[in-house]
Protein backbone atom coordinates (compact mmCIF):
# COMPACT_ATOMS: atom_id res chain seq x y z
CA MET A 1 -96.88 -13.77 112.47
CA ARG A 2 -97.53 -16.16 109.66
CA ASP A 3 -94.77 -17.27 107.58
CA LEU A 4 -93.80 -15.51 104.34
CA SER A 5 -95.84 -17.50 101.60
CA ARG A 6 -93.10 -16.60 98.86
CA ARG A 7 -92.48 -20.20 97.68
CA ASP A 8 -90.53 -18.32 94.91
CA LEU A 9 -88.49 -15.56 94.41
CA LEU A 10 -85.93 -13.59 93.68
CA ARG A 11 -84.50 -17.02 93.13
CA ALA A 12 -81.20 -15.52 92.48
CA THR A 13 -81.00 -12.24 94.17
CA ALA A 14 -78.37 -11.37 96.40
CA VAL A 15 -76.10 -10.14 98.80
CA GLY A 16 -74.13 -6.73 99.27
CA ALA A 17 -74.89 -3.12 100.53
CA GLY A 18 -74.94 -0.11 98.86
CA ALA A 19 -72.21 2.39 100.01
CA VAL A 20 -69.53 3.24 97.83
CA ALA A 21 -66.83 4.42 99.73
CA ILE A 22 -63.55 2.43 98.89
CA PRO A 23 -61.11 1.85 102.17
CA SER A 24 -57.62 2.26 101.61
CA VAL A 25 -56.77 -0.98 103.16
CA ILE A 26 -57.67 -3.05 100.21
CA ALA A 27 -56.03 -0.94 97.69
CA GLY A 28 -53.05 -2.35 95.73
CA SER A 29 -50.28 -0.95 93.57
CA SER A 30 -49.38 -3.35 91.23
CA ALA A 31 -49.12 -1.75 87.63
CA ASN A 32 -48.65 -5.32 86.17
CA ALA A 33 -51.97 -6.43 87.84
CA ALA A 34 -53.93 -3.13 86.61
CA ASP A 35 -52.55 -3.64 83.10
CA GLY A 36 -53.86 -7.14 82.54
CA PRO A 37 -53.22 -10.72 83.10
CA GLY A 38 -49.50 -10.65 81.94
CA TRP A 39 -48.87 -14.52 81.89
CA PRO A 40 -47.70 -16.23 78.64
CA ALA A 41 -50.32 -17.88 76.70
CA ASP A 42 -48.20 -21.08 76.15
CA THR A 43 -47.29 -21.96 79.46
CA LYS A 44 -47.68 -25.59 80.37
CA TYR A 45 -48.56 -26.38 83.91
CA PRO A 46 -47.56 -29.50 85.91
CA PRO A 47 -49.96 -32.50 86.18
CA ALA A 48 -52.68 -31.61 88.42
CA GLN A 49 -54.53 -33.91 91.22
CA LEU A 50 -58.08 -33.26 92.32
CA THR A 51 -57.95 -32.07 95.96
CA GLY A 52 -60.73 -31.12 98.48
CA ARG A 53 -63.64 -33.36 99.01
CA VAL A 54 -64.02 -35.47 95.92
CA VAL A 55 -67.51 -36.85 95.07
CA ARG A 56 -67.92 -39.51 92.18
CA PRO A 57 -70.56 -41.38 90.81
CA GLN A 58 -69.60 -44.54 92.94
CA SER A 59 -69.48 -42.22 96.20
CA PRO A 60 -72.59 -42.73 98.71
CA ASP A 61 -73.56 -39.20 98.61
CA TYR A 62 -73.18 -38.97 94.86
CA ALA A 63 -77.01 -38.53 94.27
CA GLN A 64 -77.37 -35.66 97.21
CA ALA A 65 -74.22 -33.85 95.93
CA SER A 66 -75.11 -33.68 92.20
CA LEU A 67 -78.64 -32.31 92.99
CA GLY A 68 -79.62 -28.98 92.33
CA TRP A 69 -82.39 -26.71 93.97
CA ASP A 70 -84.69 -26.92 90.94
CA GLU A 71 -85.24 -30.45 90.37
CA LEU A 72 -86.56 -29.98 87.14
CA PHE A 73 -82.92 -30.44 85.94
CA VAL A 74 -81.18 -33.50 86.64
CA HIS A 75 -77.81 -33.80 85.67
CA TYR A 76 -74.84 -36.37 86.19
CA PRO A 77 -71.43 -34.91 86.34
CA LEU A 78 -68.28 -37.15 86.35
CA VAL A 79 -66.74 -35.54 89.38
CA ILE A 80 -67.92 -33.06 91.91
CA VAL A 81 -65.31 -31.07 93.97
CA PHE A 82 -66.23 -29.31 97.16
CA ALA A 83 -63.38 -27.08 97.46
CA GLN A 84 -61.95 -26.52 101.01
CA GLU A 85 -59.43 -23.77 100.26
CA THR A 86 -58.63 -21.64 97.33
CA GLN A 87 -55.94 -24.24 96.17
CA ASP A 88 -58.39 -27.03 95.78
CA VAL A 89 -60.21 -24.78 93.02
CA VAL A 90 -56.77 -24.03 91.37
CA ASN A 91 -56.07 -27.72 91.21
CA ALA A 92 -59.77 -28.61 90.10
CA LEU A 93 -59.68 -25.97 87.21
CA THR A 94 -56.17 -27.03 86.03
CA TRP A 95 -57.21 -30.76 86.20
CA ALA A 96 -60.27 -29.98 83.88
CA ARG A 97 -58.30 -28.25 81.46
CA GLN A 98 -55.44 -30.96 81.21
CA HIS A 99 -58.15 -33.64 80.83
CA ASP A 100 -60.25 -31.61 78.36
CA VAL A 101 -63.32 -31.91 80.67
CA ALA A 102 -66.30 -29.84 80.46
CA LEU A 103 -66.62 -27.85 83.76
CA ARG A 104 -69.24 -25.76 85.61
CA VAL A 105 -68.88 -23.55 88.72
CA ARG A 106 -71.44 -24.06 91.58
CA SER A 107 -72.20 -22.42 94.93
CA GLY A 108 -75.80 -22.43 96.07
CA ARG A 109 -77.26 -24.58 93.41
CA HIS A 110 -79.93 -21.95 92.69
CA ASN A 111 -79.32 -21.83 88.91
CA LEU A 112 -82.73 -21.58 87.37
CA GLU A 113 -81.94 -23.32 84.37
CA GLY A 114 -79.71 -26.11 85.96
CA TRP A 115 -76.47 -24.38 84.46
CA SER A 116 -74.13 -24.76 87.31
CA ASN A 117 -74.43 -28.66 86.74
CA VAL A 118 -73.21 -30.56 83.50
CA ASP A 119 -73.34 -34.22 82.57
CA ASN A 120 -70.05 -36.10 82.18
CA GLY A 121 -67.94 -33.15 83.64
CA ILE A 122 -66.67 -31.57 86.41
CA VAL A 123 -68.51 -29.30 89.01
CA ILE A 124 -66.44 -26.87 90.96
CA ASP A 125 -68.39 -26.46 94.20
CA VAL A 126 -67.16 -23.37 96.30
CA SER A 127 -70.18 -23.98 98.75
CA GLU A 128 -67.88 -25.02 101.57
CA LEU A 129 -65.82 -21.81 101.50
CA LYS A 130 -67.43 -20.14 104.62
CA ASP A 131 -64.84 -17.80 106.00
CA VAL A 132 -65.85 -14.61 107.48
CA HIS A 133 -63.62 -11.67 108.17
CA ILE A 134 -65.53 -8.29 109.31
CA ASP A 135 -63.45 -5.04 109.79
CA THR A 136 -66.01 -2.90 111.73
CA ALA A 137 -63.56 -0.01 111.55
CA SER A 138 -63.22 0.28 108.05
CA ARG A 139 -66.93 -1.33 107.62
CA THR A 140 -65.56 -4.08 104.94
CA ALA A 141 -66.56 -7.94 105.21
CA LYS A 142 -64.34 -10.58 103.15
CA LEU A 143 -66.84 -13.41 103.01
CA GLY A 144 -66.20 -16.66 101.70
CA ALA A 145 -68.05 -17.58 98.28
CA GLY A 146 -69.64 -20.44 99.49
CA LEU A 147 -72.07 -18.41 102.14
CA ASN A 148 -75.73 -18.13 101.63
CA GLN A 149 -77.66 -15.20 102.04
CA SER A 150 -78.95 -16.06 105.66
CA GLU A 151 -75.34 -16.91 106.52
CA ALA A 152 -74.16 -13.59 105.33
CA VAL A 153 -76.98 -11.57 106.90
CA THR A 154 -76.63 -13.34 110.12
CA ALA A 155 -72.71 -12.83 110.39
CA LEU A 156 -73.13 -8.87 109.43
CA GLY A 157 -76.08 -8.58 111.69
CA GLU A 158 -73.78 -9.55 114.76
CA HIS A 159 -72.25 -6.38 114.18
CA ASP A 160 -75.18 -4.04 113.33
CA LEU A 161 -74.09 -4.32 109.78
CA ALA A 162 -75.98 -5.18 106.56
CA ALA A 163 -75.54 -5.70 102.87
CA THR A 164 -78.39 -5.97 100.10
CA THR A 165 -79.83 -9.63 99.79
CA GLY A 166 -82.55 -11.11 98.07
CA THR A 167 -85.43 -12.80 100.37
CA GLU A 168 -84.31 -16.14 99.88
CA GLY A 169 -81.90 -17.37 102.35
CA THR A 170 -80.71 -20.43 100.87
CA VAL A 171 -79.40 -18.78 97.66
CA GLY A 172 -75.68 -18.18 97.33
CA LEU A 173 -73.90 -15.23 98.26
CA SER A 174 -71.58 -15.46 95.61
CA GLY A 175 -73.69 -16.12 92.49
CA ALA A 176 -76.42 -13.55 93.63
CA THR A 177 -73.88 -10.80 93.84
CA LEU A 178 -72.10 -11.48 90.75
CA GLY A 179 -75.27 -11.15 88.72
CA GLY A 180 -76.54 -8.13 90.21
CA GLY A 181 -78.23 -8.64 93.49
CA PHE A 182 -81.31 -6.63 94.71
CA GLY A 183 -84.02 -7.12 97.52
CA PHE A 184 -85.48 -5.07 100.15
CA LEU A 185 -82.44 -3.07 101.08
CA THR A 186 -81.76 -2.15 97.25
CA ARG A 187 -83.00 1.59 97.35
CA TYR A 188 -81.16 2.14 100.41
CA LEU A 189 -78.13 0.53 100.01
CA GLY A 190 -77.66 -0.09 96.48
CA MET A 191 -77.32 -3.43 94.08
CA ALA A 192 -75.32 -6.09 95.99
CA CYS A 193 -72.84 -6.01 93.28
CA ASP A 194 -72.21 -2.26 93.77
CA ASN A 195 -70.78 -3.02 97.12
CA LEU A 196 -68.59 -5.58 95.85
CA ILE A 197 -65.09 -3.70 96.13
CA GLY A 198 -62.89 -6.85 96.11
CA ALA A 199 -62.56 -10.42 95.09
CA GLU A 200 -60.48 -13.37 95.10
CA ILE A 201 -60.82 -15.29 91.81
CA VAL A 202 -59.33 -18.55 89.97
CA VAL A 203 -58.75 -18.12 86.45
CA ALA A 204 -57.48 -19.91 83.65
CA ALA A 205 -53.97 -19.48 83.02
CA GLY A 206 -51.38 -20.31 80.10
CA ALA A 207 -52.00 -23.41 78.10
CA ASP A 208 -53.45 -25.80 80.54
CA GLY A 209 -53.25 -24.22 84.08
CA ALA A 210 -54.91 -21.86 86.64
CA LYS A 211 -53.81 -19.04 88.95
CA VAL A 212 -55.43 -16.86 91.61
CA LEU A 213 -55.92 -13.08 91.12
CA GLU A 214 -56.80 -10.69 93.84
CA VAL A 215 -58.98 -8.16 92.20
CA ASP A 216 -59.88 -4.57 93.51
CA PRO A 217 -60.53 -1.12 92.06
CA TRP A 218 -56.80 -0.91 91.47
CA ASN A 219 -55.86 -4.30 90.27
CA TYR A 220 -57.68 -5.88 87.24
CA PRO A 221 -60.32 -2.95 87.36
CA ASP A 222 -61.91 -3.90 84.29
CA LEU A 223 -62.44 -7.52 85.87
CA LEU A 224 -63.99 -6.21 88.82
CA TRP A 225 -66.26 -4.08 86.73
CA ALA A 226 -67.42 -7.13 84.63
CA LEU A 227 -67.94 -9.06 87.98
CA ARG A 228 -70.28 -6.39 89.01
CA GLY A 229 -73.24 -8.24 87.20
CA ALA A 230 -71.85 -10.50 84.68
CA GLY A 231 -69.64 -12.61 86.87
CA ASN A 232 -71.60 -15.77 87.21
CA GLY A 233 -69.32 -18.44 85.64
CA ASN A 234 -67.95 -16.31 82.71
CA PHE A 235 -64.48 -15.24 83.74
CA GLY A 236 -63.35 -17.51 86.46
CA ILE A 237 -64.31 -18.89 89.97
CA VAL A 238 -64.68 -16.55 92.76
CA THR A 239 -63.80 -17.79 96.00
CA SER A 240 -64.19 -14.86 98.49
CA LEU A 241 -65.99 -11.47 98.07
CA THR A 242 -64.86 -8.47 100.02
CA TYR A 243 -67.95 -5.62 100.56
CA GLN A 244 -68.16 -2.28 101.76
CA VAL A 245 -71.14 -2.77 104.25
CA ALA A 246 -73.28 -0.52 106.11
CA PRO A 247 -74.54 0.34 109.62
CA LEU A 248 -78.29 -0.95 110.10
CA THR A 249 -79.47 -1.43 113.88
CA SER A 250 -83.10 -1.92 113.39
CA VAL A 251 -85.90 -2.40 110.61
CA ALA A 252 -89.60 -2.47 110.69
CA TYR A 253 -91.09 -5.37 108.43
CA LEU A 254 -94.49 -5.34 107.40
CA GLN A 255 -96.55 -8.16 105.57
CA VAL A 256 -100.01 -7.13 104.00
CA THR A 257 -102.51 -9.58 102.77
CA TRP A 258 -105.77 -8.90 100.71
CA PRO A 259 -107.66 -12.11 100.24
CA GLY A 260 -108.62 -12.56 96.64
CA LEU A 261 -107.64 -10.57 93.48
CA GLY A 262 -110.57 -8.11 93.77
CA ASP A 263 -108.53 -5.27 94.88
CA LEU A 264 -105.64 -5.88 92.51
CA HIS A 265 -105.97 -3.11 90.24
CA GLU A 266 -106.20 -0.44 92.81
CA VAL A 267 -103.31 -1.97 95.15
CA PHE A 268 -100.88 -2.53 92.04
CA ASP A 269 -101.58 0.81 90.92
CA ALA A 270 -100.95 2.45 94.05
CA TRP A 271 -97.86 0.50 94.65
CA GLN A 272 -96.33 1.21 91.25
CA ARG A 273 -97.00 5.09 91.81
CA LEU A 274 -95.76 5.18 95.48
CA ALA A 275 -92.87 2.33 96.15
CA PRO A 276 -90.55 3.25 93.75
CA PHE A 277 -90.58 7.05 94.58
CA THR A 278 -90.82 7.19 98.48
CA ASP A 279 -88.37 7.31 101.01
CA PRO A 280 -85.52 5.37 99.97
CA ARG A 281 -85.21 3.47 103.30
CA LEU A 282 -88.32 1.65 102.30
CA GLY A 283 -87.85 -1.28 100.11
CA SER A 284 -91.02 -3.36 98.85
CA GLN A 285 -92.29 -6.08 96.97
CA VAL A 286 -95.83 -7.30 95.72
CA GLU A 287 -96.61 -10.90 94.93
CA VAL A 288 -99.70 -11.78 93.21
CA HIS A 289 -101.04 -15.50 93.97
CA PRO A 290 -104.17 -17.04 92.55
CA ASP A 291 -105.72 -16.51 95.82
CA GLU A 292 -104.40 -13.52 97.45
CA ILE A 293 -102.35 -10.21 96.86
CA LEU A 294 -99.26 -9.73 99.29
CA LEU A 295 -97.44 -6.72 100.02
CA PHE A 296 -93.84 -7.00 101.77
CA ALA A 297 -92.25 -3.92 103.04
CA VAL A 298 -88.83 -3.18 105.08
CA LEU A 299 -88.32 0.08 106.36
CA ALA A 300 -84.47 0.61 107.33
CA GLU A 301 -84.06 2.29 110.79
CA GLY A 302 -87.77 3.24 111.00
CA SER A 303 -90.48 2.76 113.28
CA GLU A 304 -94.04 0.63 112.68
CA ALA A 305 -95.72 4.21 112.71
CA GLU A 306 -93.35 5.55 110.24
CA ALA A 307 -93.69 2.67 107.83
CA ARG A 308 -97.48 2.70 108.20
CA LYS A 309 -97.72 6.27 107.15
CA LEU A 310 -95.40 5.88 103.99
CA LEU A 311 -97.59 2.88 102.84
CA ALA A 312 -100.88 4.62 103.87
CA PRO A 313 -102.10 4.86 100.36
CA ILE A 314 -101.93 1.43 99.77
CA LEU A 315 -103.01 0.11 103.27
CA SER A 316 -106.23 2.24 102.83
CA ILE A 317 -107.41 -0.01 100.04
CA GLY A 318 -109.88 -2.64 101.01
CA ASN A 319 -109.74 -4.61 104.19
CA PRO A 320 -106.01 -5.93 104.23
CA THR A 321 -104.54 -8.02 107.12
CA VAL A 322 -101.43 -6.37 108.23
CA THR A 323 -98.56 -7.73 110.37
CA VAL A 324 -95.47 -5.96 111.55
CA GLN A 325 -92.08 -7.09 113.01
CA THR A 326 -89.50 -4.72 114.33
CA GLY A 327 -85.74 -5.55 115.35
CA GLY A 328 -82.54 -6.40 113.92
CA TRP A 329 -82.33 -7.17 110.21
CA GLY A 330 -80.64 -10.48 111.20
CA ASP A 331 -83.49 -11.72 113.22
CA VAL A 332 -86.28 -10.43 110.77
CA TYR A 333 -84.83 -11.78 107.94
CA ALA A 334 -84.60 -15.17 109.68
CA GLY A 335 -88.04 -14.98 110.44
CA PHE A 336 -89.56 -15.30 107.18
CA GLN A 337 -87.27 -17.94 105.72
CA ILE A 338 -89.11 -20.89 104.28
CA PRO A 339 -86.77 -24.31 104.47
CA ASN A 340 -86.05 -25.95 100.84
CA GLU A 341 -87.71 -29.06 102.07
CA ASP A 342 -91.08 -27.04 102.07
CA GLU A 343 -90.89 -25.74 98.75
CA PRO A 344 -92.11 -27.41 95.57
CA ALA A 345 -89.41 -29.21 93.70
CA LYS A 346 -89.53 -27.74 90.46
CA TRP A 347 -89.64 -24.19 89.19
CA LYS A 348 -90.13 -21.94 86.00
CA PHE A 349 -89.48 -18.29 85.85
CA PHE A 350 -89.18 -15.42 83.48
CA SER A 351 -87.65 -11.95 84.40
CA GLN A 352 -88.04 -8.60 83.04
CA PHE A 353 -87.95 -4.66 84.05
CA THR A 354 -90.27 -2.02 83.58
CA ARG A 355 -89.62 1.55 83.11
CA GLU A 356 -92.99 2.86 82.70
CA PRO A 357 -96.16 2.14 85.32
CA PHE A 358 -98.32 -0.66 84.10
CA PRO A 359 -101.73 0.59 82.33
CA GLU A 360 -104.68 -0.86 83.41
CA LYS A 361 -104.53 -3.34 80.67
CA ALA A 362 -101.20 -4.90 81.95
CA VAL A 363 -102.65 -5.35 85.30
CA SER A 364 -105.52 -6.99 84.02
CA ILE A 365 -103.15 -9.63 81.95
CA VAL A 366 -101.62 -10.30 85.56
CA GLN A 367 -105.03 -11.07 86.70
CA ALA A 368 -106.19 -13.31 84.13
CA PHE A 369 -102.74 -15.61 84.17
CA MET A 370 -103.26 -15.79 87.88
CA GLU A 371 -106.84 -16.93 87.56
CA LYS A 372 -105.78 -19.76 85.40
CA ALA A 373 -102.38 -20.55 87.29
CA PRO A 374 -101.29 -23.93 86.91
CA SER A 375 -100.62 -24.57 90.44
CA PRO A 376 -101.03 -23.03 93.87
CA ASP A 377 -97.36 -22.01 94.03
CA SER A 378 -97.51 -19.72 91.17
CA ASN A 379 -97.26 -16.02 91.34
CA PHE A 380 -96.44 -12.60 89.98
CA PHE A 381 -93.48 -10.99 91.86
CA THR A 382 -92.30 -7.37 91.62
CA GLN A 383 -89.61 -5.58 93.22
CA ALA A 384 -89.58 -1.74 93.58
CA PHE A 385 -86.63 0.08 92.06
CA GLY A 386 -87.12 3.84 91.23
CA ARG A 387 -85.56 6.54 93.20
CA GLY A 388 -82.70 4.98 95.14
CA ALA A 389 -79.07 4.21 95.90
CA GLN A 390 -79.26 1.84 93.15
CA ARG A 391 -79.20 4.47 90.49
CA GLN A 392 -75.67 5.48 91.16
CA GLU A 393 -72.84 3.30 89.92
CA PRO A 394 -70.02 2.29 92.36
CA PHE A 395 -66.44 3.56 92.01
CA GLY A 396 -65.16 1.97 89.04
CA GLY A 397 -68.59 1.17 87.44
CA ALA A 398 -70.20 -1.91 87.14
CA ALA A 399 -71.68 -4.12 84.30
CA PHE A 400 -75.38 -4.23 85.60
CA PRO A 401 -77.17 -2.15 83.49
CA HIS A 402 -81.09 -1.74 84.78
CA ARG A 403 -80.40 1.18 87.35
CA ASP A 404 -83.40 3.18 85.94
CA ALA A 405 -86.12 0.59 86.06
CA LEU A 406 -89.10 1.46 88.08
CA PHE A 407 -89.52 -2.03 89.05
CA TYR A 408 -88.58 -5.80 88.44
CA SER A 409 -91.32 -8.25 87.73
CA GLU A 410 -91.33 -11.97 87.21
CA PRO A 411 -93.99 -14.62 86.60
CA GLY A 412 -93.06 -17.80 88.52
CA VAL A 413 -94.40 -21.22 89.15
CA GLY A 414 -93.57 -24.35 91.37
CA TRP A 415 -94.82 -27.84 91.41
CA GLY A 416 -93.91 -31.46 92.36
CA THR A 417 -92.66 -32.73 95.64
CA ARG A 418 -89.02 -32.82 96.57
CA GLY A 419 -87.32 -36.33 96.59
CA GLU A 420 -89.70 -37.38 94.13
CA PRO A 421 -88.33 -37.04 90.73
CA ASP A 422 -91.21 -38.06 88.75
CA SER A 423 -93.94 -36.06 90.87
CA ASP A 424 -96.37 -33.83 89.01
CA ASP A 425 -94.77 -34.47 85.67
CA ALA A 426 -98.18 -33.84 83.99
CA VAL A 427 -97.96 -30.28 85.23
CA THR A 428 -94.47 -29.48 83.65
CA PRO A 429 -95.59 -28.76 79.89
CA ILE A 430 -98.40 -26.99 81.27
CA ALA A 431 -96.47 -24.77 83.83
CA GLN A 432 -93.90 -24.29 80.93
CA THR A 433 -96.75 -23.19 78.56
CA TRP A 434 -97.93 -20.77 81.08
CA ILE A 435 -94.97 -19.02 81.69
CA ALA A 436 -94.05 -18.80 77.94
CA GLU A 437 -97.47 -17.13 77.16
CA PHE A 438 -97.77 -14.92 80.60
CA SER A 439 -94.37 -13.22 79.67
CA GLN A 440 -95.21 -12.86 75.93
CA ALA A 441 -98.42 -11.12 76.84
CA LEU A 442 -96.55 -8.68 79.09
CA ARG A 443 -93.90 -7.86 76.35
CA PRO A 444 -95.35 -4.44 75.40
CA TYR A 445 -94.98 -3.35 78.98
CA VAL A 446 -91.54 -4.50 79.82
CA ASP A 447 -88.07 -4.76 78.68
CA GLY A 448 -84.57 -6.34 79.64
CA ALA A 449 -84.10 -9.31 81.84
CA TYR A 450 -82.12 -10.19 84.94
CA VAL A 451 -79.28 -12.69 84.47
CA ASN A 452 -79.92 -14.34 87.67
CA VAL A 453 -83.09 -15.31 86.52
CA PRO A 454 -82.20 -16.37 82.91
CA ASN A 455 -84.86 -16.55 80.13
CA ILE A 456 -84.42 -19.57 78.04
CA GLY A 457 -84.59 -19.21 74.71
CA MET A 458 -84.96 -15.62 74.60
CA ALA A 459 -83.81 -13.64 71.66
CA GLU A 460 -81.17 -11.34 71.87
CA TRP A 461 -80.49 -12.18 75.47
CA GLU A 462 -77.20 -10.53 75.62
CA LYS A 463 -78.53 -7.43 74.99
CA ALA A 464 -81.53 -7.93 77.52
CA TYR A 465 -79.12 -8.94 80.38
CA TRP A 466 -76.14 -6.29 79.76
CA GLY A 467 -77.51 -3.67 77.02
CA ARG A 468 -74.60 -1.58 75.85
CA ASN A 469 -72.06 -3.03 78.01
CA PHE A 470 -72.09 -6.38 76.21
CA PRO A 471 -69.15 -5.50 73.75
CA ARG A 472 -67.01 -4.40 76.53
CA LEU A 473 -67.68 -7.64 78.35
CA ARG A 474 -66.84 -9.64 75.31
CA LYS A 475 -63.50 -7.74 75.39
CA ILE A 476 -62.80 -8.64 78.95
CA LYS A 477 -63.70 -12.13 78.35
CA ALA A 478 -61.14 -12.30 75.57
CA LYS A 479 -58.44 -10.98 77.83
CA TYR A 480 -59.09 -13.16 81.05
CA ASP A 481 -60.43 -16.26 79.29
CA PRO A 482 -59.33 -16.14 75.60
CA HIS A 483 -59.81 -20.09 75.44
CA ASN A 484 -63.21 -19.94 76.38
CA VAL A 485 -62.95 -22.38 79.28
CA PHE A 486 -65.84 -20.97 81.17
CA GLN A 487 -68.81 -21.59 79.14
CA TYR A 488 -72.48 -22.71 79.49
CA GLU A 489 -75.77 -22.10 77.37
CA GLN A 490 -75.90 -18.26 77.89
CA SER A 491 -72.42 -17.66 78.76
CA ILE A 492 -70.63 -14.62 77.45
CA PRO A 493 -68.26 -15.58 74.21
CA PRO A 494 -64.74 -13.91 73.97
CA ALA A 495 -64.45 -11.00 71.32
CA THR A 496 -62.69 -12.29 68.25
CA HIS A 497 -60.91 -9.13 67.24
């Protein structure tokens, strides 16, 4: 079977699973914890020292340590701390506050606007926190925030368990989940963040310190609500995540290819009227490339014959090539990964949700832009939502608001060669203009945006990402980070009253 040609997408989608049962083993009973932070605002902490694996500009591995996945953005931090344990994060956050140094939080390095890095500040990197504790009896998994999606899928798959993930294995588990998180299993198991039933998080404390909170539905429940869809670098530094996971023994995975764009109108219309409403075990994505149309589908606990039957109205269009793989989700997932080094170096995306089917004019816009795409690694990506587990909020609720979407979509473009900073620089303004014009042309047919695929320069981005939840998020920010220690270009500001 040929490799997935997705050199893009869901750059920041996620890991999780969709059950909502909460095991009693994680329940806490601290009234003070449930009531709020509860530490004096003027407490001074002893001077902190940086611990863990500390990388500075003079370190031989500084260039590699400071580089993000999207090489369009280059930053030069003062210091990078690779935490080896939670205390290293506490020390780094305290040190940053005591030295009045700008800070950013990083795990998988896939922040698509480079916001997990910073010039002349400290990057607190949790990517080496990779502990895995799986309780098969309660179907819970406590996973280190440094795991990427492939590592999490593999670890759970060894126990025939699964969680919703995006398709890109190198994307960090923590960032993907905390922004919402969706992929092939979303309609079956829900959003990744819906399955987040606990977290260990380091928050700013007192005048210049930091402390660790253990968050679950009974302890700091408002913070758990915020972490489910708005947790990326806004409230603290998550060091581990506890999920409710689900049994999954096998999947049927289909890749369907139509050469050229001649069948686009018929394929897209059939997909958008079938995929969001079919059996919720079936998750699917359509990608439109300059020279082909691709459909990817995963049927959980189903056979090839069943998957083909569910997709028959789409598969009957034109003369597509169909490849099928059945097996454990971990093996199937590993089979369609593309190594980072085989992808373009620079990327630009624009995220959006759709609540009504695209009319013919919208599909024509997609085709027109793909026919004048600035690089071969350009596409229009979609993810089916519709009727599925993601429509139901978890116990305690979640900040992620886009549950009623029919599908998610995203123009994307990649260019340049990895490790060559100036490669294809002439393409950069062309690619940026193409994304801006493409997204603007689709505005009548879409709304909202996905915080894991941030839209730089977007007006009212707060409403686009979080809708009516934004005012509540500002109040929670004021409660747990009143000094606005955790801030970046589109971070949540604390409420002022």
